[in-house]
Amino acid sequence: MEFNATFLVSVISFLCFTVIMQKILYEPVTKIVEEREQLIGDNYGTAKTASDKAAFIYKDRDEKISGATADAKKIAAEKIAKANDEAKIKTTEAKQNSIAKINSAKADIQAKSEEINREINNRINDIAENISAKVLGEV
């Protein structure tokens, strides 16, 4: 193998071509790739942070919903118990009022019955006196 000027010119041309390509093509492409990797890394970090924050928000929301549900059940149970107590009180009052009215009505009926019995006895006495007067001829 012979080394002549053509080989030397080819080597120098290749080295110049490599240096020029390094400056023109490889460095800008490498810089763009690094910038994109940096952008992707930043976006991934932002997305990861947002995902963690969303998970926390969902967890907090679920806890608040569970707490609100438990509070609502507790309030509903208290209201139901209060309503049942009030219903018992009103039922008891209604029964007592009914019993009082029934007793009052019984007393009225008893009083009227006694009055009617007195009237009947008075009439019977009047009729007996009339009959005895007629029988004895005193009319």
N, C-alpha and C. Protein backbone atom coordinates (compact mmCIF):
# COMPACT_ATOMS: atom_id res chain seq x y z
N MET A 1 0.80 -1.15 0.00
CA MET A 1 0.00 0.00 0.00
C MET A 1 0.88 1.25 0.00
N GLU A 2 0.46 2.14 -0.85
CA GLU A 2 1.24 3.34 -1.01
C GLU A 2 0.51 4.51 -0.40
N PHE A 3 1.32 5.36 0.21
CA PHE A 3 0.74 6.58 0.74
C PHE A 3 1.18 7.71 -0.14
N ASN A 4 0.23 8.31 -0.78
CA ASN A 4 0.53 9.44 -1.63
C ASN A 4 -0.27 10.64 -1.16
N ALA A 5 -0.22 11.69 -1.87
CA ALA A 5 -0.85 12.94 -1.50
C ALA A 5 -2.36 12.80 -1.52
N THR A 6 -2.89 11.95 -2.38
CA THR A 6 -4.34 11.77 -2.45
C THR A 6 -4.84 11.22 -1.12
N PHE A 7 -4.11 10.30 -0.57
CA PHE A 7 -4.52 9.72 0.70
C PHE A 7 -4.46 10.78 1.79
N LEU A 8 -3.41 11.58 1.76
CA LEU A 8 -3.26 12.62 2.76
C LEU A 8 -4.37 13.66 2.61
N VAL A 9 -4.70 14.03 1.39
CA VAL A 9 -5.79 14.99 1.15
C VAL A 9 -7.10 14.37 1.60
N SER A 10 -7.32 13.10 1.36
CA SER A 10 -8.57 12.43 1.77
C SER A 10 -8.68 12.41 3.29
N VAL A 11 -7.59 12.17 3.99
CA VAL A 11 -7.61 12.13 5.44
C VAL A 11 -7.90 13.52 5.98
N ILE A 12 -7.22 14.53 5.41
CA ILE A 12 -7.44 15.90 5.85
C ILE A 12 -8.87 16.32 5.54
N SER A 13 -9.39 15.95 4.36
CA SER A 13 -10.78 16.28 4.00
C SER A 13 -11.75 15.61 4.97
N PHE A 14 -11.46 14.35 5.28
CA PHE A 14 -12.34 13.64 6.19
C PHE A 14 -12.31 14.28 7.57
N LEU A 15 -11.12 14.68 8.05
CA LEU A 15 -11.02 15.32 9.35
C LEU A 15 -11.74 16.68 9.34
N CYS A 16 -11.57 17.43 8.25
CA CYS A 16 -12.27 18.72 8.13
C CYS A 16 -13.77 18.49 8.10
N PHE A 17 -14.18 17.49 7.32
CA PHE A 17 -15.61 17.16 7.24
C PHE A 17 -16.14 16.78 8.63
N THR A 18 -15.39 15.99 9.38
CA THR A 18 -15.81 15.57 10.71
C THR A 18 -15.92 16.76 11.65
N VAL A 19 -14.95 17.66 11.62
CA VAL A 19 -14.97 18.84 12.47
C VAL A 19 -16.14 19.74 12.09
N ILE A 20 -16.32 19.96 10.79
CA ILE A 20 -17.43 20.80 10.33
C ILE A 20 -18.77 20.17 10.73
N MET A 21 -18.90 18.88 10.51
CA MET A 21 -20.15 18.19 10.88
C MET A 21 -20.38 18.24 12.39
N GLN A 22 -19.28 18.15 13.14
CA GLN A 22 -19.38 18.28 14.60
C GLN A 22 -19.95 19.63 14.96
N LYS A 23 -19.44 20.69 14.37
CA LYS A 23 -19.88 22.04 14.69
C LYS A 23 -21.26 22.33 14.11
N ILE A 24 -21.55 21.91 12.90
CA ILE A 24 -22.79 22.27 12.22
C ILE A 24 -23.95 21.35 12.64
N LEU A 25 -23.69 20.07 12.71
CA LEU A 25 -24.80 19.13 12.89
C LEU A 25 -24.83 18.51 14.29
N TYR A 26 -23.75 17.91 14.73
CA TYR A 26 -23.77 17.10 15.94
C TYR A 26 -24.00 17.94 17.20
N GLU A 27 -23.30 19.07 17.37
CA GLU A 27 -23.48 19.89 18.57
C GLU A 27 -24.90 20.46 18.66
N PRO A 28 -25.49 21.04 17.56
CA PRO A 28 -26.86 21.53 17.68
C PRO A 28 -27.87 20.41 17.97
N VAL A 29 -27.66 19.27 17.33
CA VAL A 29 -28.58 18.14 17.57
C VAL A 29 -28.44 17.66 19.00
N THR A 30 -27.23 17.58 19.49
CA THR A 30 -27.00 17.17 20.88
C THR A 30 -27.63 18.17 21.83
N LYS A 31 -27.47 19.45 21.53
CA LYS A 31 -28.07 20.50 22.37
C LYS A 31 -29.60 20.39 22.38
N ILE A 32 -30.20 20.17 21.20
CA ILE A 32 -31.66 20.02 21.10
C ILE A 32 -32.12 18.79 21.87
N VAL A 33 -31.39 17.69 21.74
CA VAL A 33 -31.75 16.46 22.47
C VAL A 33 -31.66 16.70 23.97
N GLU A 34 -30.60 17.37 24.45
CA GLU A 34 -30.47 17.66 25.87
C GLU A 34 -31.59 18.57 26.37
N GLU A 35 -31.94 19.60 25.55
CA GLU A 35 -33.04 20.50 25.94
C GLU A 35 -34.36 19.74 26.03
N ARG A 36 -34.57 18.85 25.06
CA ARG A 36 -35.82 18.07 25.09
C ARG A 36 -35.84 17.11 26.27
N GLU A 37 -34.69 16.51 26.57
CA GLU A 37 -34.64 15.64 27.74
C GLU A 37 -34.92 16.43 29.01
N GLN A 38 -34.36 17.64 29.07
CA GLN A 38 -34.61 18.51 30.23
C GLN A 38 -36.08 18.88 30.31
N LEU A 39 -36.69 19.25 29.17
CA LEU A 39 -38.11 19.60 29.13
C LEU A 39 -38.97 18.41 29.54
N ILE A 40 -38.63 17.23 29.01
CA ILE A 40 -39.40 16.03 29.36
C ILE A 40 -39.25 15.74 30.85
N GLY A 41 -38.03 15.88 31.38
CA GLY A 41 -37.82 15.66 32.81
C GLY A 41 -38.62 16.65 33.66
N ASP A 42 -38.60 17.92 33.25
CA ASP A 42 -39.37 18.93 33.98
C ASP A 42 -40.86 18.63 33.92
N ASN A 43 -41.35 18.29 32.72
CA ASN A 43 -42.78 17.98 32.56
C ASN A 43 -43.16 16.74 33.36
N TYR A 44 -42.25 15.75 33.40
CA TYR A 44 -42.53 14.55 34.18
C TYR A 44 -42.61 14.90 35.67
N GLY A 45 -41.67 15.74 36.13
CA GLY A 45 -41.69 16.16 37.53
C GLY A 45 -42.96 16.93 37.86
N THR A 46 -43.36 17.83 36.97
CA THR A 46 -44.59 18.60 37.18
C THR A 46 -45.80 17.68 37.19
N ALA A 47 -45.82 16.73 36.25
CA ALA A 47 -46.94 15.79 36.18
C ALA A 47 -46.98 14.91 37.43
N LYS A 48 -45.81 14.49 37.90
CA LYS A 48 -45.74 13.66 39.11
C LYS A 48 -46.25 14.44 40.31
N THR A 49 -45.83 15.71 40.42
CA THR A 49 -46.29 16.57 41.52
C THR A 49 -47.80 16.77 41.44
N ALA A 50 -48.30 17.03 40.24
CA ALA A 50 -49.75 17.23 40.07
C ALA A 50 -50.51 15.94 40.38
N SER A 51 -49.95 14.81 39.98
CA SER A 51 -50.59 13.53 40.26
C SER A 51 -50.63 13.27 41.76
N ASP A 52 -49.54 13.55 42.45
CA ASP A 52 -49.51 13.38 43.91
C ASP A 52 -50.51 14.31 44.59
N LYS A 53 -50.56 15.56 44.11
CA LYS A 53 -51.50 16.53 44.68
C LYS A 53 -52.94 16.09 44.43
N ALA A 54 -53.21 15.57 43.23
CA ALA A 54 -54.57 15.09 42.91
C ALA A 54 -54.93 13.91 43.79
N ALA A 55 -53.98 13.00 44.01
CA ALA A 55 -54.24 11.84 44.88
C ALA A 55 -54.55 12.31 46.30
N PHE A 56 -53.81 13.31 46.77
CA PHE A 56 -54.07 13.85 48.11
C PHE A 56 -55.44 14.50 48.17
N ILE A 57 -55.77 15.25 47.13
CA ILE A 57 -57.08 15.92 47.09
C ILE A 57 -58.20 14.89 47.07
N TYR A 58 -58.04 13.82 46.27
CA TYR A 58 -59.07 12.76 46.23
C TYR A 58 -59.20 12.08 47.58
N LYS A 59 -58.06 11.82 48.22
CA LYS A 59 -58.10 11.18 49.53
C LYS A 59 -58.80 12.09 50.54
N ASP A 60 -58.44 13.37 50.52
CA ASP A 60 -59.06 14.34 51.42
C ASP A 60 -60.56 14.45 51.16
N ARG A 61 -60.93 14.48 49.88
CA ARG A 61 -62.34 14.56 49.51
C ARG A 61 -63.10 13.33 50.02
N ASP A 62 -62.50 12.14 49.82
CA ASP A 62 -63.15 10.91 50.28
C ASP A 62 -63.32 10.91 51.81
N GLU A 63 -62.29 11.40 52.51
CA GLU A 63 -62.39 11.49 53.97
C GLU A 63 -63.48 12.46 54.39
N LYS A 64 -63.56 13.59 53.70
CA LYS A 64 -64.60 14.57 54.03
C LYS A 64 -65.98 14.01 53.73
N ILE A 65 -66.11 13.31 52.62
CA ILE A 65 -67.41 12.70 52.28
C ILE A 65 -67.79 11.66 53.32
N SER A 66 -66.82 10.84 53.72
CA SER A 66 -67.10 9.83 54.75
C SER A 66 -67.51 10.50 56.06
N GLY A 67 -66.79 11.56 56.43
CA GLY A 67 -67.14 12.28 57.65
C GLY A 67 -68.52 12.91 57.56
N ALA A 68 -68.81 13.51 56.41
CA ALA A 68 -70.12 14.15 56.22
C ALA A 68 -71.23 13.10 56.25
N THR A 69 -70.96 11.94 55.65
CA THR A 69 -71.96 10.87 55.64
C THR A 69 -72.21 10.39 57.07
N ALA A 70 -71.14 10.22 57.82
CA ALA A 70 -71.29 9.78 59.21
C ALA A 70 -72.04 10.84 60.03
N ASP A 71 -71.70 12.10 59.82
CA ASP A 71 -72.41 13.18 60.52
C ASP A 71 -73.89 13.21 60.14
N ALA A 72 -74.16 13.03 58.85
CA ALA A 72 -75.55 13.04 58.39
C ALA A 72 -76.33 11.88 59.01
N LYS A 73 -75.71 10.70 59.08
CA LYS A 73 -76.38 9.54 59.69
C LYS A 73 -76.63 9.80 61.18
N LYS A 74 -75.63 10.41 61.83
CA LYS A 74 -75.79 10.71 63.26
C LYS A 74 -76.92 11.71 63.48
N ILE A 75 -76.94 12.76 62.67
CA ILE A 75 -77.99 13.78 62.79
C ILE A 75 -79.35 13.16 62.50
N ALA A 76 -79.42 12.33 61.46
CA ALA A 76 -80.69 11.68 61.12
C ALA A 76 -81.16 10.79 62.26
N ALA A 77 -80.24 10.03 62.85
CA ALA A 77 -80.61 9.16 63.97
C ALA A 77 -81.10 9.99 65.16
N GLU A 78 -80.43 11.11 65.43
CA GLU A 78 -80.86 11.97 66.53
C GLU A 78 -82.25 12.55 66.25
N LYS A 79 -82.48 12.99 65.00
CA LYS A 79 -83.79 13.56 64.66
C LYS A 79 -84.88 12.50 64.76
N ILE A 80 -84.57 11.28 64.31
CA ILE A 80 -85.55 10.19 64.39
C ILE A 80 -85.87 9.89 65.86
N ALA A 81 -84.83 9.82 66.69
CA ALA A 81 -85.05 9.55 68.11
C ALA A 81 -85.88 10.66 68.74
N LYS A 82 -85.56 11.91 68.39
CA LYS A 82 -86.31 13.05 68.93
C LYS A 82 -87.77 13.00 68.48
N ALA A 83 -87.96 12.68 67.19
CA ALA A 83 -89.33 12.59 66.66
C ALA A 83 -90.10 11.46 67.35
N ASN A 84 -89.44 10.33 67.58
CA ASN A 84 -90.09 9.22 68.29
C ASN A 84 -90.46 9.61 69.71
N ASP A 85 -89.55 10.32 70.39
CA ASP A 85 -89.85 10.78 71.76
C ASP A 85 -91.04 11.74 71.75
N GLU A 86 -91.04 12.68 70.81
CA GLU A 86 -92.15 13.62 70.72
C GLU A 86 -93.45 12.91 70.40
N ALA A 87 -93.37 11.91 69.52
CA ALA A 87 -94.58 11.14 69.19
C ALA A 87 -95.10 10.40 70.41
N LYS A 88 -94.19 9.84 71.21
CA LYS A 88 -94.62 9.14 72.44
C LYS A 88 -95.28 10.12 73.40
N ILE A 89 -94.66 11.30 73.54
CA ILE A 89 -95.22 12.31 74.44
C ILE A 89 -96.61 12.73 73.97
N LYS A 90 -96.74 13.01 72.68
CA LYS A 90 -98.03 13.44 72.15
C LYS A 90 -99.06 12.32 72.26
N THR A 91 -98.62 11.08 72.02
CA THR A 91 -99.55 9.94 72.14
C THR A 91 -100.01 9.81 73.58
N THR A 92 -99.08 9.94 74.52
CA THR A 92 -99.43 9.86 75.95
C THR A 92 -100.39 10.99 76.33
N GLU A 93 -100.10 12.20 75.87
CA GLU A 93 -101.00 13.34 76.14
C GLU A 93 -102.38 13.10 75.55
N ALA A 94 -102.41 12.58 74.32
CA ALA A 94 -103.69 12.32 73.67
C ALA A 94 -104.47 11.26 74.45
N LYS A 95 -103.77 10.23 74.91
CA LYS A 95 -104.45 9.19 75.71
C LYS A 95 -105.00 9.78 77.00
N GLN A 96 -104.18 10.62 77.66
CA GLN A 96 -104.63 11.23 78.91
C GLN A 96 -105.83 12.15 78.66
N ASN A 97 -105.78 12.92 77.57
CA ASN A 97 -106.92 13.79 77.23
C ASN A 97 -108.15 12.95 76.94
N SER A 98 -107.97 11.85 76.22
CA SER A 98 -109.10 10.98 75.90
C SER A 98 -109.68 10.39 77.17
N ILE A 99 -108.80 9.93 78.06
CA ILE A 99 -109.28 9.34 79.32
C ILE A 99 -110.02 10.40 80.14
N ALA A 100 -109.48 11.63 80.17
CA ALA A 100 -110.14 12.71 80.92
C ALA A 100 -111.51 13.01 80.31
N LYS A 101 -111.60 13.07 78.99
CA LYS A 101 -112.88 13.34 78.34
C LYS A 101 -113.86 12.20 78.59
N ILE A 102 -113.36 10.96 78.55
CA ILE A 102 -114.24 9.81 78.81
C ILE A 102 -114.73 9.86 80.24
N ASN A 103 -113.84 10.15 81.18
CA ASN A 103 -114.26 10.24 82.59
C ASN A 103 -115.25 11.38 82.79
N SER A 104 -115.01 12.50 82.12
CA SER A 104 -115.94 13.63 82.22
C SER A 104 -117.30 13.24 81.65
N ALA A 105 -117.26 12.56 80.49
CA ALA A 105 -118.51 12.13 79.88
C ALA A 105 -119.24 11.14 80.78
N LYS A 106 -118.48 10.23 81.40
CA LYS A 106 -119.10 9.26 82.32
C LYS A 106 -119.73 9.98 83.51
N ALA A 107 -119.04 10.98 84.03
CA ALA A 107 -119.56 11.74 85.16
C ALA A 107 -120.84 12.47 84.75
N ASP A 108 -120.82 13.08 83.54
CA ASP A 108 -122.03 13.76 83.05
C ASP A 108 -123.18 12.77 82.89
N ILE A 109 -122.86 11.62 82.32
CA ILE A 109 -123.90 10.59 82.13
C ILE A 109 -124.44 10.13 83.47
N GLN A 110 -123.54 9.93 84.44
CA GLN A 110 -123.96 9.49 85.78
C GLN A 110 -124.85 10.55 86.42
N ALA A 111 -124.46 11.83 86.28
CA ALA A 111 -125.25 12.91 86.87
C ALA A 111 -126.63 12.98 86.21
N LYS A 112 -126.65 12.87 84.88
CA LYS A 112 -127.94 12.91 84.18
C LYS A 112 -128.78 11.69 84.53
N SER A 113 -128.11 10.55 84.69
CA SER A 113 -128.83 9.34 85.06
C SER A 113 -129.48 9.50 86.44
N GLU A 114 -128.73 10.07 87.38
CA GLU A 114 -129.28 10.29 88.72
C GLU A 114 -130.42 11.30 88.67
N GLU A 115 -130.26 12.35 87.86
CA GLU A 115 -131.33 13.35 87.74
C GLU A 115 -132.59 12.72 87.14
N ILE A 116 -132.37 11.91 86.10
CA ILE A 116 -133.53 11.25 85.47
C ILE A 116 -134.18 10.29 86.46
N ASN A 117 -133.39 9.57 87.25
CA ASN A 117 -133.94 8.65 88.26
C ASN A 117 -134.74 9.42 89.30
N ARG A 118 -134.25 10.60 89.71
CA ARG A 118 -135.02 11.41 90.67
C ARG A 118 -136.33 11.86 90.04
N GLU A 119 -136.25 12.30 88.77
CA GLU A 119 -137.48 12.73 88.09
C GLU A 119 -138.47 11.58 87.99
N ILE A 120 -137.92 10.42 87.63
CA ILE A 120 -138.81 9.24 87.51
C ILE A 120 -139.42 8.91 88.87
N ASN A 121 -138.63 8.95 89.92
CA ASN A 121 -139.16 8.68 91.26
C ASN A 121 -140.22 9.71 91.65
N ASN A 122 -139.97 11.00 91.34
CA ASN A 122 -140.95 12.04 91.64
C ASN A 122 -142.23 11.79 90.86
N ARG A 123 -142.12 11.44 89.60
CA ARG A 123 -143.32 11.16 88.80
C ARG A 123 -144.05 9.93 89.33
N ILE A 124 -143.21 8.92 89.69
CA ILE A 124 -143.85 7.70 90.24
C ILE A 124 -144.61 8.06 91.51
N ASN A 125 -144.00 8.90 92.36
CA ASN A 125 -144.67 9.33 93.59
C ASN A 125 -145.94 10.12 93.27
N ASP A 126 -145.86 11.02 92.27
CA ASP A 126 -147.03 11.79 91.87
C ASP A 126 -148.12 10.86 91.34
N ILE A 127 -147.71 9.93 90.52
CA ILE A 127 -148.70 8.99 89.95
C ILE A 127 -149.30 8.13 91.06
N ALA A 128 -148.44 7.69 91.98
CA ALA A 128 -148.94 6.87 93.10
C ALA A 128 -149.91 7.67 93.96
N GLU A 129 -149.62 8.94 94.19
CA GLU A 129 -150.53 9.78 94.97
C GLU A 129 -151.84 9.98 94.23
N ASN A 130 -151.75 10.20 92.92
CA ASN A 130 -152.96 10.36 92.12
C ASN A 130 -153.81 9.08 92.15
N ILE A 131 -153.12 7.97 92.00
CA ILE A 131 -153.86 6.70 92.00
C ILE A 131 -154.49 6.47 93.38
N SER A 132 -153.72 6.71 94.43
CA SER A 132 -154.26 6.47 95.76
C SER A 132 -155.40 7.47 96.06
N ALA A 133 -155.32 8.68 95.54
CA ALA A 133 -156.37 9.65 95.76
C ALA A 133 -157.61 9.21 95.01
N LYS A 134 -157.44 8.71 93.81
CA LYS A 134 -158.61 8.27 93.05
C LYS A 134 -159.21 7.03 93.69
N VAL A 135 -158.33 6.15 94.17
CA VAL A 135 -158.86 4.93 94.79
C VAL A 135 -159.57 5.32 96.08
N LEU A 136 -159.09 6.22 96.81
CA LEU A 136 -159.70 6.60 98.07
C LEU A 136 -160.84 7.60 97.84
N GLY A 137 -160.95 8.07 96.67
CA GLY A 137 -162.05 8.94 96.34
C GLY A 137 -161.84 10.36 96.75
N GLU A 138 -160.73 10.83 96.78
CA GLU A 138 -160.50 12.19 97.19
C GLU A 138 -160.47 13.14 96.01
N VAL A 139 -160.66 12.74 94.94
CA VAL A 139 -160.55 13.62 93.82
C VAL A 139 -161.61 14.63 93.76
